[in-house]
């Protein structure tokens, strides 16, 4: 299945699943009311379950949105750190600049390649290892190249490269951070229980309210699909396009040799 259409598949499966749950609840309710037509006390239980489902969904969607925003922010942050470190290579003696800037180009290529492997975490991690080795090479070249530089220039260059390497690790952690699996499983389980309760509450009616049951199933399937999409912004409709564009523009700029700055304009 095309990753872009994966949320559609998830939505259809969840809608059908929740509708089946309402059917199970409806049939159970018919069987239950045959033996106890005056069943009481269930409304309190139903209300508690529905309230818990709503609370958990709201919490999960809010935290997923925060993680999505954090992922986008850290991509832009990484691009800015790489750009700053690259600009400050102007402070390094000219005999070291060419090789160092070549390594920056390879480093950016590797970071973008790793992103392209997502959501295949195994392949992305292999590329992350490669980028860490390139980052270490950049650090070693910068240390060697600034040995004869002034203290201020040396600190500017090395601090910016250190920030670049730190944010790379930060970004990788954000990619691997998701809603805990037990919470996600419990969310689905609790929603299924709520669907059965909703179906059971229709058992006293002479005719099945199929439209209402379908609407219930569609709404909750949509909410959970959005949650899944937010948690996995590389396989659905919700994409980190803004941050990716910034990284690709930086890559193009570095390879075109357009990121240049006179020594006197470097931020100190």
Protein backbone atom coordinates (compact mmCIF):
# COMPACT_ATOMS: atom_id res chain seq x y z
CA UNK A 1 0.00 0.00 0.00
CA UNK A 2 1.21 3.49 -0.84
CA UNK A 3 2.22 5.13 2.46
CA UNK A 4 0.18 8.21 1.59
CA UNK A 5 -2.99 6.08 1.52
CA UNK A 6 -2.12 4.07 4.64
CA UNK A 7 -4.26 6.30 6.90
CA UNK A 8 -7.25 5.53 4.67
CA UNK A 9 -6.71 1.82 5.23
CA UNK A 10 -6.35 2.34 8.98
CA UNK A 11 -9.50 4.46 9.04
CA UNK A 12 -11.56 1.88 7.13
CA UNK A 13 -10.38 -0.99 9.34
CA UNK A 14 -11.10 0.96 12.54
CA UNK A 15 -14.52 2.09 11.32
CA UNK A 16 -15.51 -1.49 10.53
CA UNK A 17 -14.05 -2.74 13.81
CA UNK A 18 -15.91 -0.20 15.94
CA UNK A 19 -19.14 -0.80 14.03
CA UNK A 20 -18.79 -4.53 14.73
CA UNK A 21 -18.24 -3.68 18.39
CA UNK A 22 -21.50 -1.71 18.44
CA UNK A 23 -23.23 -4.71 16.85
CA UNK A 24 -21.84 -7.01 19.53
CA UNK A 25 -23.01 -4.62 22.21
CA UNK A 26 -26.44 -4.34 20.61
CA UNK A 27 -26.94 -8.09 20.48
CA UNK A 28 -25.69 -8.50 24.02
CA UNK A 29 -28.12 -5.81 25.14
CA UNK A 30 -31.06 -7.62 23.49
CA UNK A 31 -30.07 -10.87 25.21
CA UNK A 32 -29.53 -9.11 28.56
CA UNK A 33 -32.85 -7.27 28.55
CA UNK A 34 -34.72 -10.50 27.98
CA UNK A 35 -33.68 -11.60 31.46
CA UNK A 36 -33.65 -8.21 33.17
CA UNK A 37 -35.78 -5.63 31.35
CA UNK A 38 -35.34 -3.12 34.15
CA UNK A 39 -31.55 -3.20 34.25
CA UNK A 40 -30.34 -0.16 36.18
CA UNK A 41 -27.07 1.34 37.26
CA UNK A 42 -25.44 0.86 33.87
CA UNK A 43 -25.70 4.52 32.87
CA UNK A 44 -23.13 5.45 35.50
CA UNK A 45 -20.69 2.85 34.19
CA UNK A 46 -21.29 3.96 30.59
CA UNK A 47 -20.69 7.60 31.48
CA UNK A 48 -17.48 6.77 33.31
CA UNK A 49 -16.14 4.77 30.34
CA UNK A 50 -17.08 7.44 27.79
CA UNK A 51 -15.50 10.14 29.95
CA UNK A 52 -12.31 8.11 30.27
CA UNK A 53 -12.20 7.50 26.51
CA UNK A 54 -12.60 11.21 25.83
CA UNK A 55 -9.96 12.16 28.40
CA UNK A 56 -7.45 9.64 27.08
CA UNK A 57 -8.06 10.65 23.47
CA UNK A 58 -7.64 14.33 24.30
CA UNK A 59 -4.43 13.65 26.21
CA UNK A 60 -3.04 11.41 23.46
CA UNK A 61 -3.84 13.86 20.66
CA UNK A 62 -2.36 16.76 22.60
CA UNK A 63 0.89 14.92 23.33
CA UNK A 64 1.10 13.66 19.73
CA UNK A 65 0.68 17.21 18.44
CA UNK A 66 3.45 18.38 20.79
CA UNK A 67 5.78 15.64 19.54
CA UNK A 68 4.97 16.51 15.93
CA UNK A 69 5.75 20.17 16.53
CA UNK A 70 8.96 19.23 18.35
CA UNK A 71 10.07 17.07 15.43
CA UNK A 72 9.52 19.93 13.00
CA UNK A 73 11.27 22.43 15.27
CA UNK A 74 14.33 20.25 15.77
CA UNK A 75 14.77 19.76 12.00
CA UNK A 76 14.89 23.53 11.51
CA UNK A 77 17.19 23.81 14.53
CA UNK A 78 19.57 21.26 13.02
CA UNK A 79 19.61 23.09 9.69
CA UNK A 80 20.43 26.35 11.47
CA UNK A 81 23.22 24.73 13.49
CA UNK A 82 24.78 23.18 10.39
CA UNK A 83 24.54 26.48 8.53
CA UNK A 84 26.16 28.38 11.41
CA UNK A 85 28.97 25.83 11.73
CA UNK A 86 29.54 25.90 7.98
CA UNK A 87 29.70 29.70 7.89
CA UNK A 88 32.24 29.74 10.67
CA UNK A 89 34.65 27.66 8.63
CA UNK A 90 35.66 31.06 7.26
CA UNK A 91 37.55 31.48 10.53
CA UNK A 92 39.74 28.47 9.74
CA UNK A 93 42.98 28.87 7.74
CA UNK A 94 42.35 28.48 4.02
CA UNK A 95 44.40 25.29 3.67
CA UNK A 96 41.84 23.45 5.84
CA UNK A 97 38.67 25.04 4.50
CA UNK A 98 38.17 23.06 1.28
CA UNK A 99 38.37 19.62 2.86
CA UNK A 100 36.30 20.68 5.84
CA UNK A 101 33.54 22.09 3.64
CA UNK A 102 33.54 18.91 1.57
CA UNK A 103 32.89 16.95 4.74
CA UNK A 104 30.04 19.30 5.61
CA UNK A 105 28.48 18.50 2.24
CA UNK A 106 28.78 14.78 2.90
CA UNK A 107 27.36 15.25 6.38
CA UNK A 108 24.25 17.06 5.14
CA UNK A 109 23.79 14.44 2.42
CA UNK A 110 23.92 11.71 5.05
CA UNK A 111 21.41 13.44 7.32
CA UNK A 112 18.95 13.87 4.45
CA UNK A 113 19.49 10.28 3.28
CA UNK A 114 18.69 9.04 6.78
CA UNK A 115 15.44 11.00 6.72
CA UNK A 116 14.60 9.47 3.36
CA UNK A 117 14.83 5.98 4.88
CA UNK A 118 12.14 6.74 7.44
CA UNK A 119 9.91 5.14 8.61
CA UNK A 120 12.40 2.26 8.19
CA UNK A 121 14.19 2.84 11.49
CA UNK A 122 16.80 0.13 10.90
CA UNK A 123 18.03 1.70 7.65
CA UNK A 124 17.85 5.20 9.13
CA UNK A 125 20.00 4.13 12.08
CA UNK A 126 22.66 2.75 9.73
CA UNK A 127 22.80 6.14 8.02
CA UNK A 128 22.86 7.91 11.39
CA UNK A 129 25.98 5.92 12.29
CA UNK A 130 27.57 7.10 9.04
CA UNK A 131 26.65 10.72 9.77
CA UNK A 132 28.12 10.43 13.28
CA UNK A 133 31.42 9.26 11.78
CA UNK A 134 31.35 12.19 9.35
CA UNK A 135 30.59 14.51 12.25
CA UNK A 136 33.59 13.16 14.14
CA UNK A 137 35.78 13.75 11.09
CA UNK A 138 34.51 17.33 10.85
CA UNK A 139 35.35 17.82 14.52
CA UNK A 140 38.87 16.43 14.12
CA UNK A 141 39.54 18.61 11.07
CA UNK A 142 38.23 21.67 12.88
CA UNK A 143 40.41 20.98 15.93
CA UNK A 144 43.45 20.59 13.72
CA UNK A 145 42.59 23.63 11.63
CA UNK A 146 42.10 25.94 14.61
CA UNK A 147 45.25 24.97 16.48
CA UNK A 148 46.96 28.15 15.35
CA UNK A 149 43.90 30.37 15.55
CA UNK A 150 43.02 32.82 18.26
CA UNK A 151 41.12 31.66 21.31
CA UNK A 152 37.92 33.46 20.31
CA UNK A 153 37.91 32.10 16.75
CA UNK A 154 38.66 28.60 17.93
CA UNK A 155 35.80 28.68 20.43
CA UNK A 156 33.35 29.98 17.84
CA UNK A 157 34.19 27.21 15.37
CA UNK A 158 34.28 24.33 17.84
CA UNK A 159 31.20 25.45 19.79
CA UNK A 160 29.11 25.64 16.62
CA UNK A 161 30.24 22.18 15.49
CA UNK A 162 29.55 20.79 18.95
CA UNK A 163 26.03 22.26 18.82
CA UNK A 164 25.54 20.72 15.37
CA UNK A 165 26.46 17.26 16.64
CA UNK A 166 24.35 17.62 19.79
CA UNK A 167 21.21 18.59 17.88
CA UNK A 168 21.70 15.60 15.56
CA UNK A 169 21.35 13.30 18.57
CA UNK A 170 18.38 15.32 19.80
CA UNK A 171 16.66 14.91 16.45
CA UNK A 172 17.22 11.15 16.40
CA UNK A 173 15.65 10.87 19.85
CA UNK A 174 12.56 12.78 18.69
CA UNK A 175 12.18 10.39 15.76
CA UNK A 176 12.22 7.39 18.11
CA UNK A 177 9.89 8.93 20.71
CA UNK A 178 6.26 7.85 20.43
CA UNK A 179 3.25 7.34 22.64
CA UNK A 180 4.00 4.27 24.83
CA UNK A 181 2.60 1.10 23.25
CA UNK A 182 0.63 0.02 26.35
CA UNK A 183 -1.20 3.37 26.39
CA UNK A 184 -1.97 3.12 22.69
CA UNK A 185 -3.26 -0.45 23.05
CA UNK A 186 -5.35 0.55 26.06
CA UNK A 187 -6.76 3.46 24.05
CA UNK A 188 -7.97 1.09 21.33
CA UNK A 189 -9.30 -1.42 23.85
CA UNK A 190 -11.18 1.21 25.83
CA UNK A 191 -12.68 2.70 22.66
CA UNK A 192 -13.87 -0.77 21.62
CA UNK A 193 -15.52 -1.21 25.03
CA UNK A 194 -17.19 2.19 24.64
CA UNK A 195 -18.47 1.12 21.21
CA UNK A 196 -20.01 -2.01 22.72
CA UNK A 197 -21.62 0.06 25.47
CA UNK A 198 -23.00 2.42 22.81
CA UNK A 199 -24.43 -0.55 20.91
CA UNK A 200 -25.92 -2.03 24.07
CA UNK A 201 -27.68 1.23 24.89
CA UNK A 202 -29.66 0.90 21.61
CA UNK A 203 -30.97 -2.56 22.42
CA UNK A 204 -34.32 -1.36 23.80
CA UNK A 205 -35.24 0.25 20.51
CA UNK A 206 -37.30 -1.73 18.08
CA UNK A 207 -35.09 -0.82 15.14
CA UNK A 208 -31.32 -0.63 15.00
CA UNK A 209 -30.11 3.00 14.73
CA UNK A 210 -27.50 2.06 12.16
CA UNK A 211 -26.83 5.64 11.15
CA UNK A 212 -25.98 6.65 14.70
CA UNK A 213 -23.81 3.58 15.20
CA UNK A 214 -22.00 4.28 11.95
CA UNK A 215 -21.48 7.92 12.93
CA UNK A 216 -20.09 6.83 16.29
CA UNK A 217 -17.68 4.43 14.55
CA UNK A 218 -16.56 7.02 11.97
CA UNK A 219 -15.87 9.70 14.58
CA UNK A 220 -13.74 7.52 16.82
CA UNK A 221 -11.97 5.86 13.88
CA UNK A 222 -11.12 9.32 12.53
CA UNK A 223 -9.72 10.51 15.85
CA UNK A 224 -7.51 7.45 16.28
CA UNK A 225 -6.36 7.63 12.64
CA UNK A 226 -5.31 11.25 13.19
CA UNK A 227 -3.46 10.13 16.32
CA UNK A 228 -1.60 7.42 14.39
CA UNK A 229 -0.80 9.87 11.59
CA UNK A 230 0.58 12.47 14.00
CA UNK A 231 2.76 9.85 15.66
CA UNK A 232 4.15 8.69 12.30
CA UNK A 233 4.57 11.81 10.15
CA UNK A 234 6.56 9.97 7.47
CA UNK A 235 3.95 7.45 6.37
CA UNK A 236 0.68 9.33 6.05
CA UNK A 237 -0.88 12.61 5.05
CA UNK A 238 0.70 14.62 7.86
CA UNK A 239 4.26 15.32 6.76
CA UNK A 240 7.21 17.32 8.08
CA UNK A 241 7.52 19.18 4.79
CA UNK A 242 8.59 22.53 6.24
CA UNK A 243 11.65 21.19 8.04
CA UNK A 244 12.59 18.89 5.16
CA UNK A 245 12.49 21.81 2.73
CA UNK A 246 14.88 23.80 4.92
CA UNK A 247 17.36 20.91 5.00
CA UNK A 248 17.21 20.40 1.24
CA UNK A 249 17.73 24.10 0.62
CA UNK A 250 20.75 24.05 2.91
CA UNK A 251 22.09 21.01 1.06
CA UNK A 252 21.71 22.76 -2.28
CA UNK A 253 23.31 25.94 -0.97
CA UNK A 254 26.33 24.12 0.42
CA UNK A 255 26.89 22.14 -2.76
CA UNK A 256 26.51 25.22 -4.90
CA UNK A 257 29.07 27.04 -2.81
CA UNK A 258 26.62 29.88 -2.07
CA UNK A 259 27.04 29.87 1.70
CA UNK A 260 29.96 32.22 1.99
CA UNK A 261 30.65 34.98 4.46
CA UNK A 262 33.61 37.33 4.89
CA UNK A 263 35.54 36.83 8.08
CA UNK A 264 34.50 40.26 9.33
CA UNK A 265 30.78 39.38 9.25
CA UNK A 266 30.94 36.15 11.19
CA UNK A 267 28.77 36.36 14.32
CA UNK A 268 30.88 36.42 17.44
